[in-house]
Amino acid sequence: MGSGIEGEPVKDSGFYNQGPSDGGRAADLKHESTEQVKRLGGITRQRAFSTADEKKGALVEGLDELAQELESLAGQRGGTRLPQQWVGSVAGYVRKTCDTLDRNSTEDLVQQAKFQLRERPGVALAGCALLGFVAARFLKA
């Protein structure tokens, strides 16, 4: 290897003097890694949706039974009229939820939830708080 003083070109070697081909390999590796992550994310998402769709049937059956029980309670005579109206109203909401779950795929339900969160975040947060309260009451019992 010659020196720059003698007029011979100095050959670049070492860690700091990597050629443009090394930078191209790094960019290719980064791009390939990004694509792999996207593919794996897509596969994982599809598996999660298909698993949720499989489990959704049991949930729909359970909600249907709950709606039937609530409707039978609302139809019973005796007691005050106001709680029967409330039970009937809750039965209607449970029936509507059951029908929505039965008619839509998990992916559609996630898209609808995202839309509702963007449109009315306050209502969504209040619903989450109410759901948490109800879940805590059931877990205590």
C-alpha atoms as a PDB file:
ATOM      1  CA  MET A   1       0.000   0.000   0.000  1.00  0.00           C
ATOM      2  CA  GLY A   2       1.437   3.310  -1.022  1.00  0.00           C
ATOM      3  CA  SER A   3       1.199   6.681   0.637  1.00  0.00           C
ATOM      4  CA  GLY A   4      -0.577   9.731  -0.672  1.00  0.00           C
ATOM      5  CA  ILE A   5       2.719  11.638  -0.668  1.00  0.00           C
ATOM      6  CA  GLU A   6       4.423   9.380  -3.223  1.00  0.00           C
ATOM      7  CA  GLY A   7       1.574   9.871  -5.676  1.00  0.00           C
ATOM      8  CA  GLU A   8       0.088   6.428  -5.355  1.00  0.00           C
ATOM      9  CA  PRO A   9      -3.563   6.210  -4.485  1.00  0.00           C
ATOM     10  CA  VAL A  10      -4.386   5.222  -0.926  1.00  0.00           C
ATOM     11  CA  LYS A  11      -6.692   2.242  -0.721  1.00  0.00           C
ATOM     12  CA  ASP A  12      -9.568   2.782   1.650  1.00  0.00           C
ATOM     13  CA  SER A  13      -9.928  -0.031   4.079  1.00  0.00           C
ATOM     14  CA  GLY A  14     -11.198  -0.367   7.587  1.00  0.00           C
ATOM     15  CA  PHE A  15     -14.398   0.192   9.483  1.00  0.00           C
ATOM     16  CA  TYR A  16     -15.029   3.835   8.600  1.00  0.00           C
ATOM     17  CA  ASN A  17     -14.271   3.508   4.921  1.00  0.00           C
ATOM     18  CA  GLN A  18     -16.949   1.086   3.817  1.00  0.00           C
ATOM     19  CA  GLY A  19     -18.022   1.394   0.253  1.00  0.00           C
ATOM     20  CA  PRO A  20     -21.490   2.228  -1.029  1.00  0.00           C
ATOM     21  CA  SER A  21     -22.273  -1.459  -1.510  1.00  0.00           C
ATOM     22  CA  ASP A  22     -22.220  -1.973   2.263  1.00  0.00           C
ATOM     23  CA  GLY A  23     -24.749   0.813   2.715  1.00  0.00           C
ATOM     24  CA  GLY A  24     -26.928  -0.746   0.028  1.00  0.00           C
ATOM     25  CA  ARG A  25     -26.841  -4.090   1.823  1.00  0.00           C
ATOM     26  CA  ALA A  26     -27.899  -2.419   5.061  1.00  0.00           C
ATOM     27  CA  ALA A  27     -30.812  -0.698   3.321  1.00  0.00           C
ATOM     28  CA  ASP A  28     -31.836  -3.990   1.699  1.00  0.00           C
ATOM     29  CA  LEU A  29     -31.667  -5.751   5.057  1.00  0.00           C
ATOM     30  CA  LYS A  30     -33.748  -3.023   6.678  1.00  0.00           C
ATOM     31  CA  HIS A  31     -36.344  -3.208   3.897  1.00  0.00           C
ATOM     32  CA  GLU A  32     -36.480  -7.008   4.073  1.00  0.00           C
ATOM     33  CA  SER A  33     -36.875  -6.913   7.859  1.00  0.00           C
ATOM     34  CA  THR A  34     -39.693  -4.402   7.581  1.00  0.00           C
ATOM     35  CA  GLU A  35     -41.484  -6.570   5.049  1.00  0.00           C
ATOM     36  CA  GLN A  36     -41.114  -9.652   7.256  1.00  0.00           C
ATOM     37  CA  VAL A  37     -42.580  -7.786  10.224  1.00  0.00           C
ATOM     38  CA  LYS A  38     -45.532  -6.680   8.082  1.00  0.00           C
ATOM     39  CA  ARG A  39     -46.129 -10.248   6.878  1.00  0.00           C
ATOM     40  CA  LEU A  40     -45.928 -11.656  10.398  1.00  0.00           C
ATOM     41  CA  GLY A  41     -48.246  -8.932  11.669  1.00  0.00           C
ATOM     42  CA  GLY A  42     -50.772  -9.758   8.960  1.00  0.00           C
ATOM     43  CA  ILE A  43     -50.606 -13.473   9.703  1.00  0.00           C
ATOM     44  CA  THR A  44     -50.989 -12.861  13.431  1.00  0.00           C
ATOM     45  CA  ARG A  45     -53.933 -10.545  12.825  1.00  0.00           C
ATOM     46  CA  GLN A  46     -55.695 -13.101  10.631  1.00  0.00           C
ATOM     47  CA  ARG A  47     -55.138 -15.853  13.187  1.00  0.00           C
ATOM     48  CA  ALA A  48     -56.488 -13.662  15.970  1.00  0.00           C
ATOM     49  CA  PHE A  49     -59.580 -12.781  13.932  1.00  0.00           C
ATOM     50  CA  SER A  50     -60.232 -16.395  12.968  1.00  0.00           C
ATOM     51  CA  THR A  51     -59.839 -17.540  16.591  1.00  0.00           C
ATOM     52  CA  ALA A  52     -62.206 -14.792  17.744  1.00  0.00           C
ATOM     53  CA  ASP A  53     -64.720 -15.764  15.052  1.00  0.00           C
ATOM     54  CA  GLU A  54     -64.598 -19.377  16.272  1.00  0.00           C
ATOM     55  CA  LYS A  55     -65.187 -18.346  19.896  1.00  0.00           C
ATOM     56  CA  LYS A  56     -67.858 -15.836  18.958  1.00  0.00           C
ATOM     57  CA  GLY A  57     -70.455 -18.559  18.409  1.00  0.00           C
ATOM     58  CA  ALA A  58     -70.367 -19.627  22.057  1.00  0.00           C
ATOM     59  CA  LEU A  59     -70.663 -15.997  23.155  1.00  0.00           C
ATOM     60  CA  VAL A  60     -73.670 -15.453  20.896  1.00  0.00           C
ATOM     61  CA  GLU A  61     -75.366 -18.566  22.317  1.00  0.00           C
ATOM     62  CA  GLY A  62     -74.746 -17.372  25.881  1.00  0.00           C
ATOM     63  CA  LEU A  63     -76.081 -13.897  25.133  1.00  0.00           C
ATOM     64  CA  ASP A  64     -79.133 -15.393  23.454  1.00  0.00           C
ATOM     65  CA  GLU A  65     -79.892 -17.445  26.564  1.00  0.00           C
ATOM     66  CA  LEU A  66     -79.411 -14.349  28.745  1.00  0.00           C
ATOM     67  CA  ALA A  67     -81.782 -12.353  26.540  1.00  0.00           C
ATOM     68  CA  GLN A  68     -84.410 -15.107  26.796  1.00  0.00           C
ATOM     69  CA  GLU A  69     -84.111 -15.139  30.596  1.00  0.00           C
ATOM     70  CA  LEU A  70     -84.392 -11.353  30.777  1.00  0.00           C
ATOM     71  CA  GLU A  71     -87.402 -11.368  28.467  1.00  0.00           C
ATOM     72  CA  SER A  72     -89.117 -13.973  30.626  1.00  0.00           C
ATOM     73  CA  LEU A  73     -88.390 -11.868  33.743  1.00  0.00           C
ATOM     74  CA  ALA A  74     -89.762  -8.766  32.046  1.00  0.00           C
ATOM     75  CA  GLY A  75     -92.920 -10.632  31.080  1.00  0.00           C
ATOM     76  CA  GLN A  76     -93.708 -11.808  34.609  1.00  0.00           C
ATOM     77  CA  ARG A  77     -96.570 -10.060  36.344  1.00  0.00           C
ATOM     78  CA  GLY A  78     -96.126  -8.804  39.863  1.00  0.00           C
ATOM     79  CA  GLY A  79     -93.825  -6.309  41.448  1.00  0.00           C
ATOM     80  CA  THR A  80     -93.483  -2.748  40.243  1.00  0.00           C
ATOM     81  CA  ARG A  81     -93.767  -1.781  36.612  1.00  0.00           C
ATOM     82  CA  LEU A  82     -90.570   0.251  36.417  1.00  0.00           C
ATOM     83  CA  PRO A  83     -88.061  -2.562  37.012  1.00  0.00           C
ATOM     84  CA  GLN A  84     -89.909  -4.709  34.453  1.00  0.00           C
ATOM     85  CA  GLN A  85     -89.439  -1.938  31.910  1.00  0.00           C
ATOM     86  CA  TRP A  86     -85.750  -1.762  32.751  1.00  0.00           C
ATOM     87  CA  VAL A  87     -85.356  -5.517  32.453  1.00  0.00           C
ATOM     88  CA  GLY A  88     -87.207  -5.434  29.134  1.00  0.00           C
ATOM     89  CA  SER A  89     -84.960  -2.642  27.921  1.00  0.00           C
ATOM     90  CA  VAL A  90     -81.814  -4.514  28.952  1.00  0.00           C
ATOM     91  CA  ALA A  91     -83.162  -7.635  27.242  1.00  0.00           C
ATOM     92  CA  GLY A  92     -83.600  -5.598  24.048  1.00  0.00           C
ATOM     93  CA  TYR A  93     -80.005  -4.331  24.228  1.00  0.00           C
ATOM     94  CA  VAL A  94     -78.697  -7.843  24.841  1.00  0.00           C
ATOM     95  CA  ARG A  95     -80.740  -9.156  21.903  1.00  0.00           C
ATOM     96  CA  LYS A  96     -79.428  -6.359  19.665  1.00  0.00           C
ATOM     97  CA  THR A  97     -75.842  -7.094  20.729  1.00  0.00           C
ATOM     98  CA  CYS A  98     -76.379 -10.787  20.073  1.00  0.00           C
ATOM     99  CA  ASP A  99     -77.714 -10.086  16.574  1.00  0.00           C
ATOM    100  CA  THR A 100     -74.853  -7.689  15.791  1.00  0.00           C
ATOM    101  CA  LEU A 101     -72.243 -10.234  16.889  1.00  0.00           C
ATOM    102  CA  ASP A 102     -73.938 -12.974  14.906  1.00  0.00           C
ATOM    103  CA  ARG A 103     -74.217 -10.976  11.661  1.00  0.00           C
ATOM    104  CA  ASN A 104     -70.753  -9.371  11.563  1.00  0.00           C
ATOM    105  CA  SER A 105     -67.245 -10.761  11.392  1.00  0.00           C
ATOM    106  CA  THR A 106     -64.693  -9.893  14.048  1.00  0.00           C
ATOM    107  CA  GLU A 107     -62.865  -7.621  11.612  1.00  0.00           C
ATOM    108  CA  ASP A 108     -66.097  -5.714  10.894  1.00  0.00           C
ATOM    109  CA  LEU A 109     -66.737  -5.349  14.623  1.00  0.00           C
ATOM    110  CA  VAL A 110     -63.237  -3.965  15.201  1.00  0.00           C
ATOM    111  CA  GLN A 111     -63.733  -1.433  12.383  1.00  0.00           C
ATOM    112  CA  GLN A 112     -67.096  -0.368  13.839  1.00  0.00           C
ATOM    113  CA  ALA A 113     -65.540   0.015  17.293  1.00  0.00           C
ATOM    114  CA  LYS A 114     -62.728   2.192  15.877  1.00  0.00           C
ATOM    115  CA  PHE A 115     -65.272   4.378  14.109  1.00  0.00           C
ATOM    116  CA  GLN A 116     -67.384   4.787  17.246  1.00  0.00           C
ATOM    117  CA  LEU A 117     -64.317   5.650  19.331  1.00  0.00           C
ATOM    118  CA  ARG A 118     -63.348   8.387  16.879  1.00  0.00           C
ATOM    119  CA  GLU A 119     -66.867   9.764  16.574  1.00  0.00           C
ATOM    120  CA  ARG A 120     -67.854   9.718  20.257  1.00  0.00           C
ATOM    121  CA  PRO A 121     -64.889   9.156  22.574  1.00  0.00           C
ATOM    122  CA  GLY A 122     -66.763  10.377  25.673  1.00  0.00           C
ATOM    123  CA  VAL A 123     -69.539   7.837  25.241  1.00  0.00           C
ATOM    124  CA  ALA A 124     -66.995   5.106  24.595  1.00  0.00           C
ATOM    125  CA  LEU A 125     -65.065   5.961  27.770  1.00  0.00           C
ATOM    126  CA  ALA A 126     -68.286   6.080  29.797  1.00  0.00           C
ATOM    127  CA  GLY A 127     -69.270   2.686  28.376  1.00  0.00           C
ATOM    128  CA  CYS A 128     -65.884   1.239  29.302  1.00  0.00           C
ATOM    129  CA  ALA A 129     -66.214   2.609  32.844  1.00  0.00           C
ATOM    130  CA  LEU A 130     -69.710   1.143  33.159  1.00  0.00           C
ATOM    131  CA  LEU A 131     -68.543  -2.188  31.779  1.00  0.00           C
ATOM    132  CA  GLY A 132     -65.661  -2.225  34.266  1.00  0.00           C
ATOM    133  CA  PHE A 133     -68.036  -1.458  37.134  1.00  0.00           C
ATOM    134  CA  VAL A 134     -70.417  -4.250  36.112  1.00  0.00           C
ATOM    135  CA  ALA A 135     -67.538  -6.712  35.689  1.00  0.00           C
ATOM    136  CA  ALA A 136     -66.188  -5.811  39.142  1.00  0.00           C
ATOM    137  CA  ARG A 137     -69.629  -6.375  40.686  1.00  0.00           C
ATOM    138  CA  PHE A 138     -69.908  -9.798  39.041  1.00  0.00           C
ATOM    139  CA  LEU A 139     -66.409 -10.775  40.119  1.00  0.00           C
ATOM    140  CA  LYS A 140     -67.125  -9.805  43.728  1.00  0.00           C
ATOM    141  CA  ALA A 141     -70.246 -11.972  43.820  1.00  0.00           C
END
